[in-house]
């Protein structure tokens, strides 16, 4: 009985079929695929086999279409991997939280002992002769060794004087913690705010908090963290906003450091760190200022679509501000870290990291040179802080529009019982929502996975007119090629293994001897073959005239016999076979 193949092949001549039929060659597999696939054009590769010109033409056309398809796929993937985004804007209307507002400009240093002599020395430099002499003979900013100096040109002499004044002011004020505790000299809010109302109701003491600013002195924050319940705006208009009457004292100010007459105001989010030196604006005394507010929001995707952070926890800079993450707070913290690392001291306007101290001439003679070098690198975006500080993924800001009018009117001056000098130092401010509508700007990906698959399907249908099932057929073809290759490799390995196991053992008869005076020629020895059961799927052919050993692995193969053969039987005894006999 002939053994069954381990992997039955498709029998083109018909007959019994195995449980799993497979192709006998790559040619059969390719013909079957071209005749039965749903991909257009493949049938022309085999139906015109008698006409080689047509076959070659359709082969080239098929390959060209295949190349164009994958070229289009490459373009689609290149666009997808750039991760482009599109900005979509939407409008929303709902009651909003009223923003926080900071009011500053109240002098705080005029009554502190120990600071007055230094500030009076700076006041004396305002005279023209002193300014000219100081600018001519003022030493440049050099490092500790004096070998490297910093020079900077300004467009006007006023800008130069203001920068000089600002620099010495920082040097003096950095020593204040050693002289006096500033927090113990808080001003009373009545010295700044004469009247306060929100939504028609008087402000309470719990509606504001006091803090100290390095330049603008005593400041007050209304409706911020640390106060009572946040104010909520339910209607737009001046009557439903914040109304203040402020005092703007123009006499108790440091010259050149603050040259504007008025009160500094900043409007910001509740959990945002205020930076008055960057985002403030002035309220002019003697007039009423109406400030309308509109809010905008932006939502960034982050990840592959852009660099942003949700809460700042994944940023490599430790924030020095006790507030939520903002880009400005991160840049200030990063710059302060660079100052402490390279200059050995901190910038006076920014908070200090643990264990650091502010810069001053007494301990750090060359700190000015180091500071200006770092500050210029930060302004030119050459410092690594911009790479370390991403934008927040969610950000909200306020757009302001202001209008002014003379205040008070001629008739109402009698009611206020104020003379001209007093009216020059007061101002009225109204802050309100123009509309409760706010604009939201959201980022969305241009190419989503669904859109990418849709475009790929369109290209596939354009060049081959097929569907998803055709793609499955392609994968099936690749799988069949892999399986058939493994089968052929297994055949070759099994054949080599069988040859090594079935080495014949030659046994010779006794040597020839002379019989009746004749010398007999010794007969040829024949190999003894192993039993048939040990040589499954193997056909051994032995010729009488010569020894021929052929190992055929896995499947039956036709053998052409030229002489009388001996075929091994189950008993192990050779059996003569006639020419052309295929074996049992």
Foldseek 3Di string as FASTA:
>chain_A
DADDFPAAEDDPVDDDDDPHYHHPDPVVLLQVCLVPFPWPLSVQCPVVPVDVVSNVVSVVLLVVLVVVLVVVLVVLVVVVLLFAWDKDKDKDFDWDFFWKKKKFQDDQPPPAPPLVVVLVVLVVCVDPVNVVVCVVPPDFQAAPVRPGGDDDDDPDPLVVVLVVSVVVLQQSVLCVVVRDDSVVRADDCVQWWVFKDALRHGDDPLQWDWDAASARGIMIMGQAPRGPHTDIQPFFDLNHGMKTKTFFDPPPHRPSSDPDTAMKMATDHRQDDDDSVPGIDGFAFQKEKEKAKAKEKEAADDDSNDHAAAFCPPFPFDFPDPGTDALVRLLLRVLQVVLCVPQVAGRSRGDHDPPHGHDHCVVRVNSVRVSVVSVVCVVVVNDCSVVRRHGHRMDMDMDIDMDMDGPDDPVCCVVVVDDPVRRNGMYMYGYTYPRSMHMYMYIDTPDDPVNSVVVSQVSSCVSTVDGVVSVVSVVVSVVSVVVVVVVVVVQVVVQVVLVVVWDFDWDFDDQFDDDPNRTDHGDDTDTQTDAPVVQRQFWAWQARVGGDGDGGPRDDDDDFDDHWTWGAHRVSDTDTDHGPDPDD
